[in-house]
Each structure stands twice: as C-alpha cells, then as structure tokens.
C-alpha cells in the first residue's frame, strides 16, 4: 500500500497534463503492479482523476496570476480595461454627436 501512495504522490503533478483515458490507464497499471482488487483500482482511478482536476485548477490559477503580474509590470491594458475604455469613448462620441446636432 505504501508503494501505491508513493506512486500516487509522484504522478500527482503530471496528472494535470494527462487525459482521462491516460489517467485511467495509469491507474490500471498501478493496480496491476500492486495486486489491487477491481474496486481498489476503481477508487484509485477516481482519486487520480480528482487529483488531476485539482492540479489543473491550481496550474490554471498560477498561470493566471503570473500573466496578471506580467501585464501589470509591462503596463499593458487588459481586455476588461479596453472594453471599459471603449464603452466610455462610445458614450463621449454619443454626447458629442448630440451636442453637434443641437447646436444652431
């Protein structure tokens, strides 16, 4: 059982990059090597899939944090900031157009 826990820990990081089929294949391989029952193998696959989801979410959060930090340091306008500025420009254009039309 310790071998199973060790293997699970070692592949935890790589799980974020694996497809569901590959994770299930890995779980079957580990279950066979450690002589696990079918039920234990199924539980292992479920645990690995859950770990993969969590690792993927953590990876995504870290990447988003790094990108946000880089754009702030580079003083680059974000998509949200651009959309807000675009909306402000449109409102100002509408105001200018209205004032031009109402001028004698």
PDB file of N, CA and C in Angstrom:
ATOM      1  N   UNK A   1       0.832  -1.199   0.000  1.00  0.00           N
ATOM      2  CA  UNK A   1       0.000   0.000   0.000  1.00  0.00           C
ATOM      3  C   UNK A   1       0.872   1.257   0.000  1.00  0.00           C
ATOM      4  N   UNK A   2       2.014   1.199   0.685  1.00  0.00           N
ATOM      5  CA  UNK A   2       2.900   2.358   0.711  1.00  0.00           C
ATOM      6  C   UNK A   2       3.404   2.669  -0.690  1.00  0.00           C
ATOM      7  N   UNK A   3       3.657   1.614  -1.469  1.00  0.00           N
ATOM      8  CA  UNK A   3       4.090   1.810  -2.843  1.00  0.00           C
ATOM      9  C   UNK A   3       3.029   2.560  -3.634  1.00  0.00           C
ATOM     10  N   UNK A   4       1.785   2.222  -3.396  1.00  0.00           N
ATOM     11  CA  UNK A   4       0.674   2.882  -4.073  1.00  0.00           C
ATOM     12  C   UNK A   4       0.619   4.362  -3.708  1.00  0.00           C
ATOM     13  N   UNK A   5       0.753   4.682  -2.439  1.00  0.00           N
ATOM     14  CA  UNK A   5       0.726   6.080  -2.006  1.00  0.00           C
ATOM     15  C   UNK A   5       1.901   6.853  -2.592  1.00  0.00           C
ATOM     16  N   UNK A   6       3.058   6.232  -2.605  1.00  0.00           N
ATOM     17  CA  UNK A   6       4.245   6.888  -3.147  1.00  0.00           C
ATOM     18  C   UNK A   6       4.057   7.173  -4.637  1.00  0.00           C
ATOM     19  N   UNK A   7       3.570   6.177  -5.364  1.00  0.00           N
ATOM     20  CA  UNK A   7       3.350   6.362  -6.804  1.00  0.00           C
ATOM     21  C   UNK A   7       2.301   7.441  -7.057  1.00  0.00           C
ATOM     22  N   UNK A   8       1.267   7.454  -6.242  1.00  0.00           N
ATOM     23  CA  UNK A   8       0.223   8.471  -6.406  1.00  0.00           C
ATOM     24  C   UNK A   8       0.795   9.864  -6.209  1.00  0.00           C
ATOM     25  N   UNK A   9       1.639  10.016  -5.200  1.00  0.00           N
ATOM     26  CA  UNK A   9       2.240  11.318  -4.938  1.00  0.00           C
ATOM     27  C   UNK A   9       3.161  11.736  -6.079  1.00  0.00           C
ATOM     28  N   UNK A  10       3.927  10.795  -6.596  1.00  0.00           N
ATOM     29  CA  UNK A  10       4.877  11.123  -7.656  1.00  0.00           C
ATOM     30  C   UNK A  10       4.202  11.527  -8.955  1.00  0.00           C
ATOM     31  N   UNK A  11       3.046  10.924  -9.242  1.00  0.00           N
ATOM     32  CA  UNK A  11       2.396  11.274 -10.504  1.00  0.00           C
ATOM     33  C   UNK A  11       1.389  12.403 -10.352  1.00  0.00           C
ATOM     34  N   UNK A  12       1.188  12.876  -9.138  1.00  0.00           N
ATOM     35  CA  UNK A  12       0.212  13.938  -8.895  1.00  0.00           C
ATOM     36  C   UNK A  12       0.420  15.164  -9.755  1.00  0.00           C
ATOM     37  N   UNK A  13       1.645  15.583  -9.896  1.00  0.00           N
ATOM     38  CA  UNK A  13       1.934  16.783 -10.681  1.00  0.00           C
ATOM     39  C   UNK A  13       1.647  16.555 -12.159  1.00  0.00           C
ATOM     40  N   UNK A  14       2.019  15.398 -12.658  1.00  0.00           N
ATOM     41  CA  UNK A  14       1.800  15.102 -14.062  1.00  0.00           C
ATOM     42  C   UNK A  14       0.348  14.890 -14.431  1.00  0.00           C
ATOM     43  N   UNK A  15      -0.499  14.681 -13.451  1.00  0.00           N
ATOM     44  CA  UNK A  15      -1.905  14.412 -13.726  1.00  0.00           C
ATOM     45  C   UNK A  15      -2.601  15.573 -14.421  1.00  0.00           C
ATOM     46  N   UNK A  16      -2.168  16.762 -14.128  1.00  0.00           N
ATOM     47  CA  UNK A  16      -2.810  17.935 -14.728  1.00  0.00           C
ATOM     48  C   UNK A  16      -2.658  17.935 -16.245  1.00  0.00           C
ATOM     49  N   UNK A  17      -1.665  17.234 -16.734  1.00  0.00           N
ATOM     50  CA  UNK A  17      -1.388  17.238 -18.159  1.00  0.00           C
ATOM     51  C   UNK A  17      -1.919  16.004 -18.876  1.00  0.00           C
ATOM     52  N   UNK A  18      -2.506  15.091 -18.119  1.00  0.00           N
ATOM     53  CA  UNK A  18      -2.933  13.825 -18.703  1.00  0.00           C
ATOM     54  C   UNK A  18      -4.417  13.844 -19.055  1.00  0.00           C
ATOM     55  N   UNK A  19      -4.774  13.090 -20.065  1.00  0.00           N
ATOM     56  CA  UNK A  19      -6.179  12.949 -20.426  1.00  0.00           C
ATOM     57  C   UNK A  19      -6.827  11.922 -19.505  1.00  0.00           C
ATOM     58  N   UNK A  20      -8.137  11.925 -19.488  1.00  0.00           N
ATOM     59  CA  UNK A  20      -8.877  10.980 -18.652  1.00  0.00           C
ATOM     60  C   UNK A  20      -8.493   9.531 -18.976  1.00  0.00           C
ATOM     61  N   UNK A  21      -8.403   9.220 -20.261  1.00  0.00           N
ATOM     62  CA  UNK A  21      -8.037   7.862 -20.660  1.00  0.00           C
ATOM     63  C   UNK A  21      -6.650   7.489 -20.163  1.00  0.00           C
ATOM     64  N   UNK A  22      -5.729   8.402 -20.261  1.00  0.00           N
ATOM     65  CA  UNK A  22      -4.359   8.138 -19.821  1.00  0.00           C
ATOM     66  C   UNK A  22      -4.312   7.945 -18.303  1.00  0.00           C
ATOM     67  N   UNK A  23      -5.095   8.726 -17.570  1.00  0.00           N
ATOM     68  CA  UNK A  23      -5.136   8.586 -16.110  1.00  0.00           C
ATOM     69  C   UNK A  23      -5.699   7.220 -15.735  1.00  0.00           C
ATOM     70  N   UNK A  24      -6.774   6.820 -16.408  1.00  0.00           N
ATOM     71  CA  UNK A  24      -7.367   5.517 -16.121  1.00  0.00           C
ATOM     72  C   UNK A  24      -6.402   4.389 -16.467  1.00  0.00           C
ATOM     73  N   UNK A  25      -5.674   4.536 -17.566  1.00  0.00           N
ATOM     74  CA  UNK A  25      -4.677   3.541 -17.951  1.00  0.00           C
ATOM     75  C   UNK A  25      -3.581   3.450 -16.892  1.00  0.00           C
ATOM     76  N   UNK A  26      -3.120   4.588 -16.402  1.00  0.00           N
ATOM     77  CA  UNK A  26      -2.106   4.619 -15.356  1.00  0.00           C
ATOM     78  C   UNK A  26      -2.617   3.953 -14.087  1.00  0.00           C
ATOM     79  N   UNK A  27      -3.859   4.218 -13.735  1.00  0.00           N
ATOM     80  CA  UNK A  27      -4.444   3.603 -12.537  1.00  0.00           C
ATOM     81  C   UNK A  27      -4.514   2.093 -12.697  1.00  0.00           C
ATOM     82  N   UNK A  28      -4.890   1.616 -13.875  1.00  0.00           N
ATOM     83  CA  UNK A  28      -4.950   0.166 -14.122  1.00  0.00           C
ATOM     84  C   UNK A  28      -3.559  -0.455 -13.982  1.00  0.00           C
ATOM     85  N   UNK A  29      -2.557   0.254 -14.509  1.00  0.00           N
ATOM     86  CA  UNK A  29      -1.188  -0.239 -14.447  1.00  0.00           C
ATOM     87  C   UNK A  29      -0.719  -0.338 -12.992  1.00  0.00           C
ATOM     88  N   UNK A  30      -0.987   0.701 -12.219  1.00  0.00           N
ATOM     89  CA  UNK A  30      -0.596   0.700 -10.804  1.00  0.00           C
ATOM     90  C   UNK A  30      -1.348  -0.390 -10.056  1.00  0.00           C
ATOM     91  N   UNK A  31      -2.641  -0.514 -10.324  1.00  0.00           N
ATOM     92  CA  UNK A  31      -3.454  -1.532  -9.647  1.00  0.00           C
ATOM     93  C   UNK A  31      -2.919  -2.925  -9.949  1.00  0.00           C
ATOM     94  N   UNK A  32      -2.528  -3.164 -11.191  1.00  0.00           N
ATOM     95  CA  UNK A  32      -1.993  -4.475 -11.572  1.00  0.00           C
ATOM     96  C   UNK A  32      -0.664  -4.744 -10.885  1.00  0.00           C
ATOM     97  N   UNK A  33       0.218  -3.735 -10.879  1.00  0.00           N
ATOM     98  CA  UNK A  33       1.543  -3.891 -10.254  1.00  0.00           C
ATOM     99  C   UNK A  33       1.433  -4.144  -8.756  1.00  0.00           C
ATOM    100  N   UNK A  34       0.446  -3.518  -8.110  1.00  0.00           N
ATOM    101  CA  UNK A  34       0.295  -3.644  -6.657  1.00  0.00           C
ATOM    102  C   UNK A  34      -0.748  -4.681  -6.265  1.00  0.00           C
ATOM    103  N   UNK A  35      -1.218  -5.454  -7.241  1.00  0.00           N
ATOM    104  CA  UNK A  35      -2.204  -6.517  -6.985  1.00  0.00           C
ATOM    105  C   UNK A  35      -3.436  -6.003  -6.241  1.00  0.00           C
ATOM    106  N   UNK A  36      -4.004  -4.933  -6.723  1.00  0.00           N
ATOM    107  CA  UNK A  36      -5.206  -4.369  -6.113  1.00  0.00           C
ATOM    108  C   UNK A  36      -6.448  -5.043  -6.678  1.00  0.00           C
ATOM    109  N   UNK A  37      -7.504  -5.034  -5.884  1.00  0.00           N
ATOM    110  CA  UNK A  37      -8.774  -5.569  -6.368  1.00  0.00           C
ATOM    111  C   UNK A  37      -9.358  -4.600  -7.394  1.00  0.00           C
ATOM    112  N   UNK A  38     -10.385  -5.063  -8.093  1.00  0.00           N
ATOM    113  CA  UNK A  38     -11.029  -4.207  -9.087  1.00  0.00           C
ATOM    114  C   UNK A  38     -11.603  -2.955  -8.436  1.00  0.00           C
ATOM    115  N   UNK A  39     -12.212  -3.125  -7.255  1.00  0.00           N
ATOM    116  CA  UNK A  39     -12.790  -1.984  -6.539  1.00  0.00           C
ATOM    117  C   UNK A  39     -11.695  -1.005  -6.110  1.00  0.00           C
ATOM    118  N   UNK A  40     -10.588  -1.512  -5.611  1.00  0.00           N
ATOM    119  CA  UNK A  40      -9.484  -0.635  -5.211  1.00  0.00           C
ATOM    120  C   UNK A  40      -8.921   0.097  -6.427  1.00  0.00           C
ATOM    121  N   UNK A  41      -8.831  -0.605  -7.547  1.00  0.00           N
ATOM    122  CA  UNK A  41      -8.364   0.031  -8.775  1.00  0.00           C
ATOM    123  C   UNK A  41      -9.293   1.133  -9.232  1.00  0.00           C
ATOM    124  N   UNK A  42     -10.600   0.892  -9.103  1.00  0.00           N
ATOM    125  CA  UNK A  42     -11.590   1.916  -9.482  1.00  0.00           C
ATOM    126  C   UNK A  42     -11.463   3.138  -8.568  1.00  0.00           C
ATOM    127  N   UNK A  43     -11.300   2.887  -7.274  1.00  0.00           N
ATOM    128  CA  UNK A  43     -11.134   4.012  -6.326  1.00  0.00           C
ATOM    129  C   UNK A  43      -9.861   4.791  -6.640  1.00  0.00           C
ATOM    130  N   UNK A  44      -8.808   4.054  -6.977  1.00  0.00           N
ATOM    131  CA  UNK A  44      -7.552   4.713  -7.329  1.00  0.00           C
ATOM    132  C   UNK A  44      -7.759   5.614  -8.544  1.00  0.00           C
ATOM    133  N   UNK A  45      -8.447   5.113  -9.564  1.00  0.00           N
ATOM    134  CA  UNK A  45      -8.693   5.907 -10.766  1.00  0.00           C
ATOM    135  C   UNK A  45      -9.492   7.164 -10.416  1.00  0.00           C
ATOM    136  N   UNK A  46     -10.499   7.018  -9.572  1.00  0.00           N
ATOM    137  CA  UNK A  46     -11.304   8.180  -9.171  1.00  0.00           C
ATOM    138  C   UNK A  46     -10.456   9.200  -8.418  1.00  0.00           C
ATOM    139  N   UNK A  47      -9.598   8.710  -7.518  1.00  0.00           N
ATOM    140  CA  UNK A  47      -8.728   9.616  -6.762  1.00  0.00           C
ATOM    141  C   UNK A  47      -7.754  10.335  -7.693  1.00  0.00           C
ATOM    142  N   UNK A  48      -7.197   9.597  -8.644  1.00  0.00           N
ATOM    143  CA  UNK A  48      -6.262  10.218  -9.584  1.00  0.00           C
ATOM    144  C   UNK A  48      -6.958  11.247 -10.461  1.00  0.00           C
ATOM    145  N   UNK A  49      -8.175  10.952 -10.887  1.00  0.00           N
ATOM    146  CA  UNK A  49      -8.932  11.926 -11.684  1.00  0.00           C
ATOM    147  C   UNK A  49      -9.228  13.181 -10.881  1.00  0.00           C
ATOM    148  N   UNK A  50      -9.566  13.000  -9.606  1.00  0.00           N
ATOM    149  CA  UNK A  50      -9.823  14.156  -8.748  1.00  0.00           C
ATOM    150  C   UNK A  50      -8.546  14.974  -8.565  1.00  0.00           C
ATOM    151  N   UNK A  51      -7.430  14.277  -8.336  1.00  0.00           N
ATOM    152  CA  UNK A  51      -6.150  14.973  -8.194  1.00  0.00           C
ATOM    153  C   UNK A  51      -5.794  15.726  -9.472  1.00  0.00           C
ATOM    154  N   UNK A  52      -6.097  15.113 -10.615  1.00  0.00           N
ATOM    155  CA  UNK A  52      -5.806  15.761 -11.891  1.00  0.00           C
ATOM    156  C   UNK A  52      -6.621  17.043 -12.032  1.00  0.00           C
ATOM    157  N   UNK A  53      -7.897  16.981 -11.652  1.00  0.00           N
ATOM    158  CA  UNK A  53      -8.741  18.180 -11.713  1.00  0.00           C
ATOM    159  C   UNK A  53      -8.190  19.275 -10.814  1.00  0.00           C
ATOM    160  N   UNK A  54      -7.819  18.894  -9.592  1.00  0.00           N
ATOM    161  CA  UNK A  54      -7.282  19.873  -8.642  1.00  0.00           C
ATOM    162  C   UNK A  54      -5.958  20.441  -9.132  1.00  0.00           C
ATOM    163  N   UNK A  55      -5.088  19.573  -9.645  1.00  0.00           N
ATOM    164  CA  UNK A  55      -3.798  20.038 -10.153  1.00  0.00           C
ATOM    165  C   UNK A  55      -3.999  20.977 -11.333  1.00  0.00           C
ATOM    166  N   UNK A  56      -4.959  20.652 -12.196  1.00  0.00           N
ATOM    167  CA  UNK A  56      -5.246  21.514 -13.341  1.00  0.00           C
ATOM    168  C   UNK A  56      -5.746  22.878 -12.905  1.00  0.00           C
ATOM    169  N   UNK A  57      -6.635  22.902 -11.914  1.00  0.00           N
ATOM    170  CA  UNK A  57      -7.151  24.178 -11.416  1.00  0.00           C
ATOM    171  C   UNK A  57      -6.035  24.998 -10.764  1.00  0.00           C
ATOM    172  N   UNK A  58      -5.186  24.336  -9.988  1.00  0.00           N
ATOM    173  CA  UNK A  58      -4.063  25.043  -9.357  1.00  0.00           C
ATOM    174  C   UNK A  58      -3.108  25.592 -10.411  1.00  0.00           C
ATOM    175  N   UNK A  59      -2.844  24.787 -11.432  1.00  0.00           N
ATOM    176  CA  UNK A  59      -1.955  25.220 -12.511  1.00  0.00           C
ATOM    177  C   UNK A  59      -2.545  26.434 -13.223  1.00  0.00           C
ATOM    178  N   UNK A  60      -3.830  26.358 -13.527  1.00  0.00           N
ATOM    179  CA  UNK A  60      -4.520  27.465 -14.203  1.00  0.00           C
ATOM    180  C   UNK A  60      -4.459  28.738 -13.358  1.00  0.00           C
ATOM    181  N   UNK A  61      -4.693  28.602 -12.062  1.00  0.00           N
ATOM    182  CA  UNK A  61      -4.652  29.768 -11.167  1.00  0.00           C
ATOM    183  C   UNK A  61      -3.260  30.384 -11.140  1.00  0.00           C
ATOM    184  N   UNK A  62      -2.229  29.544 -11.104  1.00  0.00           N
ATOM    185  CA  UNK A  62      -0.862  30.052 -11.087  1.00  0.00           C
ATOM    186  C   UNK A  62      -0.521  30.776 -12.386  1.00  0.00           C
ATOM    187  N   UNK A  63      -0.947  30.220 -13.504  1.00  0.00           N
ATOM    188  CA  UNK A  63      -0.680  30.861 -14.802  1.00  0.00           C
ATOM    189  C   UNK A  63      -1.397  32.208 -14.880  1.00  0.00           C
ATOM    190  N   UNK A  64      -2.659  32.242 -14.458  1.00  0.00           N
ATOM    191  CA  UNK A  64      -3.407  33.495 -14.478  1.00  0.00           C
ATOM    192  C   UNK A  64      -2.731  34.537 -13.597  1.00  0.00           C
ATOM    193  N   UNK A  65      -2.243  34.113 -12.445  1.00  0.00           N
ATOM    194  CA  UNK A  65      -1.550  35.031 -11.535  1.00  0.00           C
ATOM    195  C   UNK A  65      -0.276  35.566 -12.186  1.00  0.00           C
ATOM    196  N   UNK A  66       0.488  34.708 -12.833  1.00  0.00           N
ATOM    197  CA  UNK A  66       1.722  35.136 -13.498  1.00  0.00           C
ATOM    198  C   UNK A  66       1.434  36.087 -14.657  1.00  0.00           C
ATOM    199  N   UNK A  67       0.420  35.791 -15.443  1.00  0.00           N
ATOM    200  CA  UNK A  67       0.074  36.652 -16.579  1.00  0.00           C
ATOM    201  C   UNK A  67      -0.397  38.012 -16.076  1.00  0.00           C
ATOM    202  N   UNK A  68      -1.241  38.004 -15.049  1.00  0.00           N
ATOM    203  CA  UNK A  68      -1.731  39.265 -14.483  1.00  0.00           C
ATOM    204  C   UNK A  68      -0.566  40.100 -13.959  1.00  0.00           C
ATOM    205  N   UNK A  69       0.350  39.453 -13.276  1.00  0.00           N
ATOM    206  CA  UNK A  69       1.516  40.155 -12.747  1.00  0.00           C
ATOM    207  C   UNK A  69       2.372  40.724 -13.879  1.00  0.00           C
ATOM    208  N   UNK A  70       2.572  39.937 -14.928  1.00  0.00           N
ATOM    209  CA  UNK A  70       3.387  40.393 -16.056  1.00  0.00           C
ATOM    210  C   UNK A  70       2.731  41.568 -16.767  1.00  0.00           C
ATOM    211  N   UNK A  71       1.422  41.511 -16.975  1.00  0.00           N
ATOM    212  CA  UNK A  71       0.756  42.621 -17.670  1.00  0.00           C
ATOM    213  C   UNK A  71       0.790  43.889 -16.828  1.00  0.00           C
ATOM    214  N   UNK A  72       0.717  43.735 -15.510  1.00  0.00           N
ATOM    215  CA  UNK A  72       0.805  44.915 -14.649  1.00  0.00           C
ATOM    216  C   UNK A  72       2.199  45.533 -14.728  1.00  0.00           C
ATOM    217  N   UNK A  73       3.228  44.683 -14.700  1.00  0.00           N
ATOM    218  CA  UNK A  73       4.607  45.198 -14.761  1.00  0.00           C
ATOM    219  C   UNK A  73       4.899  45.834 -16.110  1.00  0.00           C
ATOM    220  N   UNK A  74       4.305  45.291 -17.165  1.00  0.00           N
ATOM    221  CA  UNK A  74       4.546  45.809 -18.510  1.00  0.00           C
ATOM    222  C   UNK A  74       3.619  46.964 -18.843  1.00  0.00           C
ATOM    223  N   UNK A  75       2.713  47.278 -17.945  1.00  0.00           N
ATOM    224  CA  UNK A  75       1.752  48.364 -18.131  1.00  0.00           C
ATOM    225  C   UNK A  75       0.936  48.168 -19.405  1.00  0.00           C
ATOM    226  N   UNK A  76       0.444  46.934 -19.591  1.00  0.00           N
ATOM    227  CA  UNK A  76      -0.382  46.582 -20.747  1.00  0.00           C
ATOM    228  C   UNK A  76      -1.844  46.630 -20.338  1.00  0.00           C
ATOM    229  N   UNK A  77      -2.656  47.171 -21.218  1.00  0.00           N
ATOM    230  CA  UNK A  77      -4.087  47.267 -20.973  1.00  0.00           C
ATOM    231  C   UNK A  77      -4.710  45.872 -21.043  1.00  0.00           C
ATOM    232  N   UNK A  78      -5.515  45.526 -20.046  1.00  0.00           N
ATOM    233  CA  UNK A  78      -6.202  44.235 -20.059  1.00  0.00           C
ATOM    234  C   UNK A  78      -7.446  44.321 -20.936  1.00  0.00           C
ATOM    235  N   UNK A  79      -8.001  43.170 -21.275  1.00  0.00           N
ATOM    236  CA  UNK A  79      -9.222  43.132 -22.074  1.00  0.00           C
ATOM    237  C   UNK A  79     -10.352  43.870 -21.386  1.00  0.00           C
ATOM    238  N   UNK A  80     -10.454  43.703 -20.078  1.00  0.00           N
ATOM    239  CA  UNK A  80     -11.513  44.367 -19.308  1.00  0.00           C
ATOM    240  C   UNK A  80     -11.330  45.886 -19.367  1.00  0.00           C
ATOM    241  N   UNK A  81     -10.093  46.335 -19.170  1.00  0.00           N
ATOM    242  CA  UNK A  81      -9.824  47.773 -19.220  1.00  0.00           C
ATOM    243  C   UNK A  81     -10.131  48.327 -20.609  1.00  0.00           C
ATOM    244  N   UNK A  82      -9.774  47.564 -21.648  1.00  0.00           N
ATOM    245  CA  UNK A  82     -10.041  48.006 -23.010  1.00  0.00           C
ATOM    246  C   UNK A  82     -11.537  48.144 -23.251  1.00  0.00           C
ATOM    247  N   UNK A  83     -12.321  47.150 -22.812  1.00  0.00           N
ATOM    248  CA  UNK A  83     -13.777  47.213 -23.006  1.00  0.00           C
ATOM    249  C   UNK A  83     -14.376  48.400 -22.251  1.00  0.00           C
ATOM    250  N   UNK A  84     -13.875  48.675 -21.038  1.00  0.00           N
ATOM    251  CA  UNK A  84     -14.373  49.816 -20.269  1.00  0.00           C
ATOM    252  C   UNK A  84     -14.052  51.127 -20.980  1.00  0.00           C
ATOM    253  N   UNK A  85     -12.836  51.239 -21.490  1.00  0.00           N
ATOM    254  CA  UNK A  85     -12.453  52.455 -22.224  1.00  0.00           C
ATOM    255  C   UNK A  85     -13.251  52.598 -23.515  1.00  0.00           C
ATOM    256  N   UNK A  86     -13.472  51.494 -24.200  1.00  0.00           N
ATOM    257  CA  UNK A  86     -14.264  51.515 -25.432  1.00  0.00           C
ATOM    258  C   UNK A  86     -15.681  52.017 -25.141  1.00  0.00           C
ATOM    259  N   UNK A  87     -16.252  51.554 -24.059  1.00  0.00           N
ATOM    260  CA  UNK A  87     -17.605  51.993 -23.672  1.00  0.00           C
ATOM    261  C   UNK A  87     -17.610  53.488 -23.346  1.00  0.00           C
ATOM    262  N   UNK A  88     -16.585  53.965 -22.646  1.00  0.00           N
ATOM    263  CA  UNK A  88     -16.507  55.388 -22.319  1.00  0.00           C
ATOM    264  C   UNK A  88     -16.386  56.233 -23.586  1.00  0.00           C
ATOM    265  N   UNK A  89     -15.569  55.773 -24.537  1.00  0.00           N
ATOM    266  CA  UNK A  89     -15.384  56.506 -25.797  1.00  0.00           C
ATOM    267  C   UNK A  89     -16.707  56.581 -26.556  1.00  0.00           C
ATOM    268  N   UNK A  90     -17.437  55.468 -26.597  1.00  0.00           N
ATOM    269  CA  UNK A  90     -18.730  55.453 -27.293  1.00  0.00           C
ATOM    270  C   UNK A  90     -19.702  56.448 -26.653  1.00  0.00           C
ATOM    271  N   UNK A  91     -19.725  56.496 -25.335  1.00  0.00           N
ATOM    272  CA  UNK A  91     -20.610  57.443 -24.650  1.00  0.00           C
ATOM    273  C   UNK A  91     -20.212  58.881 -24.975  1.00  0.00           C
ATOM    274  N   UNK A  92     -18.912  59.146 -24.968  1.00  0.00           N
ATOM    275  CA  UNK A  92     -18.446  60.500 -25.295  1.00  0.00           C
ATOM    276  C   UNK A  92     -18.776  60.853 -26.745  1.00  0.00           C
ATOM    277  N   UNK A  93     -18.614  59.904 -27.659  1.00  0.00           N
ATOM    278  CA  UNK A  93     -18.969  60.147 -29.058  1.00  0.00           C
ATOM    279  C   UNK A  93     -20.463  60.456 -29.193  1.00  0.00           C
ATOM    280  N   UNK A  94     -21.278  59.717 -28.451  1.00  0.00           N
ATOM    281  CA  UNK A  94     -22.726  59.991 -28.489  1.00  0.00           C
ATOM    282  C   UNK A  94     -23.021  61.389 -27.962  1.00  0.00           C
ATOM    283  N   UNK A  95     -22.356  61.786 -26.876  1.00  0.00           N
ATOM    284  CA  UNK A  95     -22.559  63.130 -26.321  1.00  0.00           C
ATOM    285  C   UNK A  95     -22.137  64.206 -27.308  1.00  0.00           C
ATOM    286  N   UNK A  96     -21.003  64.001 -27.967  1.00  0.00           N
ATOM    287  CA  UNK A  96     -20.513  64.973 -28.950  1.00  0.00           C
ATOM    288  C   UNK A  96     -21.478  65.053 -30.122  1.00  0.00           C
ATOM    289  N   UNK A  97     -21.953  63.932 -30.588  1.00  0.00           N
ATOM    290  CA  UNK A  97     -22.889  63.893 -31.716  1.00  0.00           C
ATOM    291  C   UNK A  97     -24.168  64.622 -31.351  1.00  0.00           C
ATOM    292  N   UNK A  98     -24.667  64.417 -30.139  1.00  0.00           N
ATOM    293  CA  UNK A  98     -25.893  65.085 -29.689  1.00  0.00           C
ATOM    294  C   UNK A  98     -25.684  66.586 -29.573  1.00  0.00           C
ATOM    295  N   UNK A  99     -24.523  66.987 -29.063  1.00  0.00           N
ATOM    296  CA  UNK A  99     -24.291  68.414 -28.899  1.00  0.00           C
ATOM    297  C   UNK A  99     -24.092  69.089 -30.256  1.00  0.00           C
ATOM    298  N   UNK A 100     -23.502  68.368 -31.236  1.00  0.00           N
ATOM    299  CA  UNK A 100     -23.353  68.906 -32.594  1.00  0.00           C
ATOM    300  C   UNK A 100     -24.709  69.072 -33.260  1.00  0.00           C
ATOM    301  N   UNK A 101     -25.593  68.137 -33.015  1.00  0.00           N
ATOM    302  CA  UNK A 101     -26.928  68.210 -33.616  1.00  0.00           C
ATOM    303  C   UNK A 101     -27.797  69.288 -32.991  1.00  0.00           C
ATOM    304  N   UNK A 102     -27.544  69.576 -31.741  1.00  0.00           N
ATOM    305  CA  UNK A 102     -28.373  70.581 -31.076  1.00  0.00           C
ATOM    306  C   UNK A 102     -27.818  71.994 -31.222  1.00  0.00           C
ATOM    307  N   UNK A 103     -26.597  72.132 -31.720  1.00  0.00           N
ATOM    308  CA  UNK A 103     -26.006  73.458 -31.921  1.00  0.00           C
ATOM    309  C   UNK A 103     -26.652  74.132 -33.123  1.00  0.00           C
ATOM    310  N   UNK A 104     -26.899  75.454 -33.002  1.00  0.00           N
ATOM    311  CA  UNK A 104     -27.563  76.179 -34.101  1.00  0.00           C
ATOM    312  C   UNK A 104     -26.721  76.361 -35.322  1.00  0.00           C
TER     313      UNK A 104
END
